[in-house]
């Protein structure tokens, strides 16, 4: 069976902002959304950054 796929838009929800335009603007400005996890205890996880 063959199925067709149609992409009708693009969206992004990132640590840098909601929407492609806001996220891309902050990426171009050199900002990073990677930071230490502080919302819960991540000390037993393999990584404490996200």
PDB file of N, CA and C in Angstrom:
ATOM      1  N   UNK A   1       0.843  -1.167   0.000  1.00  0.00           N
ATOM      2  CA  UNK A   1       0.000   0.000   0.000  1.00  0.00           C
ATOM      3  C   UNK A   1       0.898   1.242   0.000  1.00  0.00           C
ATOM      4  N   UNK A   2       0.552   2.190  -0.813  1.00  0.00           N
ATOM      5  CA  UNK A   2       1.291   3.454  -0.891  1.00  0.00           C
ATOM      6  C   UNK A   2       0.456   4.562  -0.269  1.00  0.00           C
ATOM      7  N   UNK A   3       1.104   5.371   0.579  1.00  0.00           N
ATOM      8  CA  UNK A   3       0.407   6.491   1.208  1.00  0.00           C
ATOM      9  C   UNK A   3       1.105   7.782   0.854  1.00  0.00           C
ATOM     10  N   UNK A   4       0.347   8.800   0.679  1.00  0.00           N
ATOM     11  CA  UNK A   4       0.902  10.124   0.407  1.00  0.00           C
ATOM     12  C   UNK A   4       0.954  10.921   1.699  1.00  0.00           C
ATOM     13  N   UNK A   5       1.971  11.746   1.808  1.00  0.00           N
ATOM     14  CA  UNK A   5       2.129  12.608   2.974  1.00  0.00           C
ATOM     15  C   UNK A   5       2.208  14.043   2.493  1.00  0.00           C
ATOM     16  N   UNK A   6       1.492  14.918   3.166  1.00  0.00           N
ATOM     17  CA  UNK A   6       1.515  16.333   2.827  1.00  0.00           C
ATOM     18  C   UNK A   6       1.913  17.117   4.076  1.00  0.00           C
ATOM     19  N   UNK A   7       2.967  17.903   3.968  1.00  0.00           N
ATOM     20  CA  UNK A   7       3.392  18.772   5.062  1.00  0.00           C
ATOM     21  C   UNK A   7       2.768  20.135   4.812  1.00  0.00           C
ATOM     22  N   UNK A   8       1.970  20.592   5.766  1.00  0.00           N
ATOM     23  CA  UNK A   8       1.242  21.848   5.558  1.00  0.00           C
ATOM     24  C   UNK A   8       1.773  23.002   6.389  1.00  0.00           C
ATOM     25  N   UNK A   9       2.756  22.722   7.229  1.00  0.00           N
ATOM     26  CA  UNK A   9       3.302  23.792   8.054  1.00  0.00           C
ATOM     27  C   UNK A   9       4.464  23.292   8.884  1.00  0.00           C
ATOM     28  N   UNK A  10       5.040  24.192   9.639  1.00  0.00           N
ATOM     29  CA  UNK A  10       6.176  23.869  10.483  1.00  0.00           C
ATOM     30  C   UNK A  10       5.992  24.580  11.808  1.00  0.00           C
ATOM     31  N   UNK A  11       6.229  23.869  12.882  1.00  0.00           N
ATOM     32  CA  UNK A  11       6.110  24.473  14.198  1.00  0.00           C
ATOM     33  C   UNK A  11       7.227  23.980  15.095  1.00  0.00           C
ATOM     34  N   UNK A  12       7.497  24.706  16.140  1.00  0.00           N
ATOM     35  CA  UNK A  12       8.533  24.304  17.087  1.00  0.00           C
ATOM     36  C   UNK A  12       8.201  24.819  18.477  1.00  0.00           C
ATOM     37  N   UNK A  13       8.395  23.952  19.441  1.00  0.00           N
ATOM     38  CA  UNK A  13       8.338  24.350  20.843  1.00  0.00           C
ATOM     39  C   UNK A  13       9.668  23.907  21.426  1.00  0.00           C
ATOM     40  N   UNK A  14      10.521  24.868  21.764  1.00  0.00           N
ATOM     41  CA  UNK A  14      11.873  24.578  22.220  1.00  0.00           C
ATOM     42  C   UNK A  14      12.159  25.342  23.505  1.00  0.00           C
ATOM     43  N   UNK A  15      13.270  25.021  24.172  1.00  0.00           N
ATOM     44  CA  UNK A  15      13.636  25.804  25.351  1.00  0.00           C
ATOM     45  C   UNK A  15      13.912  27.273  25.024  1.00  0.00           C
ATOM     46  N   UNK A  16      14.123  27.570  23.754  1.00  0.00           N
ATOM     47  CA  UNK A  16      14.432  28.940  23.349  1.00  0.00           C
ATOM     48  C   UNK A  16      13.196  29.752  22.989  1.00  0.00           C
ATOM     49  N   UNK A  17      12.069  29.101  22.838  1.00  0.00           N
ATOM     50  CA  UNK A  17      10.866  29.846  22.515  1.00  0.00           C
ATOM     51  C   UNK A  17       9.815  28.982  21.860  1.00  0.00           C
ATOM     52  N   UNK A  18       8.657  29.549  21.695  1.00  0.00           N
ATOM     53  CA  UNK A  18       7.561  28.867  21.021  1.00  0.00           C
ATOM     54  C   UNK A  18       7.450  29.445  19.625  1.00  0.00           C
ATOM     55  N   UNK A  19       7.608  28.589  18.642  1.00  0.00           N
ATOM     56  CA  UNK A  19       7.542  29.010  17.252  1.00  0.00           C
ATOM     57  C   UNK A  19       8.908  28.979  16.589  1.00  0.00           C
ATOM     58  N   UNK A  20       8.889  28.704  15.307  1.00  0.00           N
ATOM     59  CA  UNK A  20      10.128  28.613  14.532  1.00  0.00           C
ATOM     60  C   UNK A  20      10.863  29.948  14.526  1.00  0.00           C
ATOM     61  N   UNK A  21      10.139  31.030  14.317  1.00  0.00           N
ATOM     62  CA  UNK A  21      10.770  32.351  14.205  1.00  0.00           C
ATOM     63  C   UNK A  21      11.523  32.729  15.483  1.00  0.00           C
ATOM     64  N   UNK A  22      10.875  32.582  16.636  1.00  0.00           N
ATOM     65  CA  UNK A  22      11.505  32.926  17.919  1.00  0.00           C
ATOM     66  C   UNK A  22      12.698  32.018  18.212  1.00  0.00           C
ATOM     67  N   UNK A  23      12.518  30.716  18.020  1.00  0.00           N
ATOM     68  CA  UNK A  23      13.616  29.776  18.274  1.00  0.00           C
ATOM     69  C   UNK A  23      14.803  30.063  17.368  1.00  0.00           C
ATOM     70  N   UNK A  24      14.559  30.260  16.079  1.00  0.00           N
ATOM     71  CA  UNK A  24      15.640  30.510  15.124  1.00  0.00           C
ATOM     72  C   UNK A  24      16.363  31.823  15.441  1.00  0.00           C
ATOM     73  N   UNK A  25      15.609  32.850  15.822  1.00  0.00           N
ATOM     74  CA  UNK A  25      16.208  34.143  16.171  1.00  0.00           C
ATOM     75  C   UNK A  25      17.193  33.970  17.326  1.00  0.00           C
ATOM     76  N   UNK A  26      16.808  33.224  18.334  1.00  0.00           N
ATOM     77  CA  UNK A  26      17.670  33.038  19.499  1.00  0.00           C
ATOM     78  C   UNK A  26      18.849  32.116  19.198  1.00  0.00           C
ATOM     79  N   UNK A  27      18.667  31.131  18.326  1.00  0.00           N
ATOM     80  CA  UNK A  27      19.792  30.287  17.894  1.00  0.00           C
ATOM     81  C   UNK A  27      20.813  31.144  17.163  1.00  0.00           C
ATOM     82  N   UNK A  28      20.336  31.996  16.246  1.00  0.00           N
ATOM     83  CA  UNK A  28      21.248  32.873  15.499  1.00  0.00           C
ATOM     84  C   UNK A  28      21.966  33.853  16.416  1.00  0.00           C
ATOM     85  N   UNK A  29      21.343  34.210  17.540  1.00  0.00           N
ATOM     86  CA  UNK A  29      21.959  35.126  18.499  1.00  0.00           C
ATOM     87  C   UNK A  29      22.976  34.408  19.392  1.00  0.00           C
ATOM     88  N   UNK A  30      23.117  33.100  19.192  1.00  0.00           N
ATOM     89  CA  UNK A  30      24.105  32.344  19.954  1.00  0.00           C
ATOM     90  C   UNK A  30      23.607  31.803  21.279  1.00  0.00           C
ATOM     91  N   UNK A  31      22.310  31.867  21.506  1.00  0.00           N
ATOM     92  CA  UNK A  31      21.757  31.371  22.763  1.00  0.00           C
ATOM     93  C   UNK A  31      21.634  29.849  22.738  1.00  0.00           C
ATOM     94  N   UNK A  32      21.646  29.253  23.914  1.00  0.00           N
ATOM     95  CA  UNK A  32      21.498  27.806  24.059  1.00  0.00           C
ATOM     96  C   UNK A  32      20.351  27.513  25.010  1.00  0.00           C
ATOM     97  N   UNK A  33      19.607  26.482  24.711  1.00  0.00           N
ATOM     98  CA  UNK A  33      18.531  26.057  25.596  1.00  0.00           C
ATOM     99  C   UNK A  33      18.973  24.948  26.539  1.00  0.00           C
ATOM    100  N   UNK A  34      20.237  24.562  26.463  1.00  0.00           N
ATOM    101  CA  UNK A  34      20.761  23.488  27.305  1.00  0.00           C
ATOM    102  C   UNK A  34      21.131  24.062  28.666  1.00  0.00           C
ATOM    103  N   UNK A  35      20.645  23.417  29.706  1.00  0.00           N
ATOM    104  CA  UNK A  35      20.910  23.888  31.063  1.00  0.00           C
ATOM    105  C   UNK A  35      20.798  22.730  32.046  1.00  0.00           C
ATOM    106  N   UNK A  36      21.229  22.942  33.257  1.00  0.00           N
ATOM    107  CA  UNK A  36      21.127  21.928  34.301  1.00  0.00           C
ATOM    108  C   UNK A  36      19.659  21.717  34.669  1.00  0.00           C
ATOM    109  N   UNK A  37      19.278  20.462  34.862  1.00  0.00           N
ATOM    110  CA  UNK A  37      17.911  20.128  35.263  1.00  0.00           C
ATOM    111  C   UNK A  37      17.703  20.566  36.708  1.00  0.00           C
ATOM    112  N   UNK A  38      16.686  21.391  36.929  1.00  0.00           N
ATOM    113  CA  UNK A  38      16.401  21.885  38.280  1.00  0.00           C
ATOM    114  C   UNK A  38      14.953  21.639  38.707  1.00  0.00           C
ATOM    115  N   UNK A  39      14.111  21.175  37.800  1.00  0.00           N
ATOM    116  CA  UNK A  39      12.692  20.985  38.114  1.00  0.00           C
ATOM    117  C   UNK A  39      12.441  19.736  38.953  1.00  0.00           C
ATOM    118  N   UNK A  40      13.403  18.789  38.950  1.00  0.00           N
ATOM    119  CA  UNK A  40      13.290  17.571  39.738  1.00  0.00           C
ATOM    120  C   UNK A  40      14.688  17.049  40.029  1.00  0.00           C
ATOM    121  N   UNK A  41      14.801  16.081  40.921  1.00  0.00           N
ATOM    122  CA  UNK A  41      16.095  15.513  41.295  1.00  0.00           C
ATOM    123  C   UNK A  41      16.586  14.590  40.184  1.00  0.00           C
ATOM    124  N   UNK A  42      17.592  15.025  39.464  1.00  0.00           N
ATOM    125  CA  UNK A  42      18.148  14.243  38.362  1.00  0.00           C
ATOM    126  C   UNK A  42      19.486  13.615  38.734  1.00  0.00           C
ATOM    127  N   UNK A  43      19.832  13.631  40.010  1.00  0.00           N
ATOM    128  CA  UNK A  43      21.158  13.177  40.438  1.00  0.00           C
ATOM    129  C   UNK A  43      21.422  11.707  40.130  1.00  0.00           C
ATOM    130  N   UNK A  44      20.392  10.889  40.015  1.00  0.00           N
ATOM    131  CA  UNK A  44      20.585   9.465  39.726  1.00  0.00           C
ATOM    132  C   UNK A  44      20.477   9.148  38.235  1.00  0.00           C
ATOM    133  N   UNK A  45      20.244  10.140  37.437  1.00  0.00           N
ATOM    134  CA  UNK A  45      20.167   9.949  35.991  1.00  0.00           C
ATOM    135  C   UNK A  45      21.563  10.023  35.384  1.00  0.00           C
ATOM    136  N   UNK A  46      21.767   9.422  34.197  1.00  0.00           N
ATOM    137  CA  UNK A  46      23.086   9.465  33.562  1.00  0.00           C
ATOM    138  C   UNK A  46      23.542  10.880  33.208  1.00  0.00           C
ATOM    139  N   UNK A  47      22.600  11.796  33.038  1.00  0.00           N
ATOM    140  CA  UNK A  47      22.932  13.181  32.706  1.00  0.00           C
ATOM    141  C   UNK A  47      22.061  14.111  33.539  1.00  0.00           C
ATOM    142  N   UNK A  48      22.631  15.220  33.958  1.00  0.00           N
ATOM    143  CA  UNK A  48      21.861  16.197  34.720  1.00  0.00           C
ATOM    144  C   UNK A  48      21.629  17.480  33.920  1.00  0.00           C
ATOM    145  N   UNK A  49      21.856  17.411  32.621  1.00  0.00           N
ATOM    146  CA  UNK A  49      21.586  18.555  31.753  1.00  0.00           C
ATOM    147  C   UNK A  49      20.582  18.154  30.688  1.00  0.00           C
ATOM    148  N   UNK A  50      19.843  19.113  30.217  1.00  0.00           N
ATOM    149  CA  UNK A  50      18.859  18.858  29.163  1.00  0.00           C
ATOM    150  C   UNK A  50      18.670  20.119  28.347  1.00  0.00           C
TER     151      UNK A  50
END
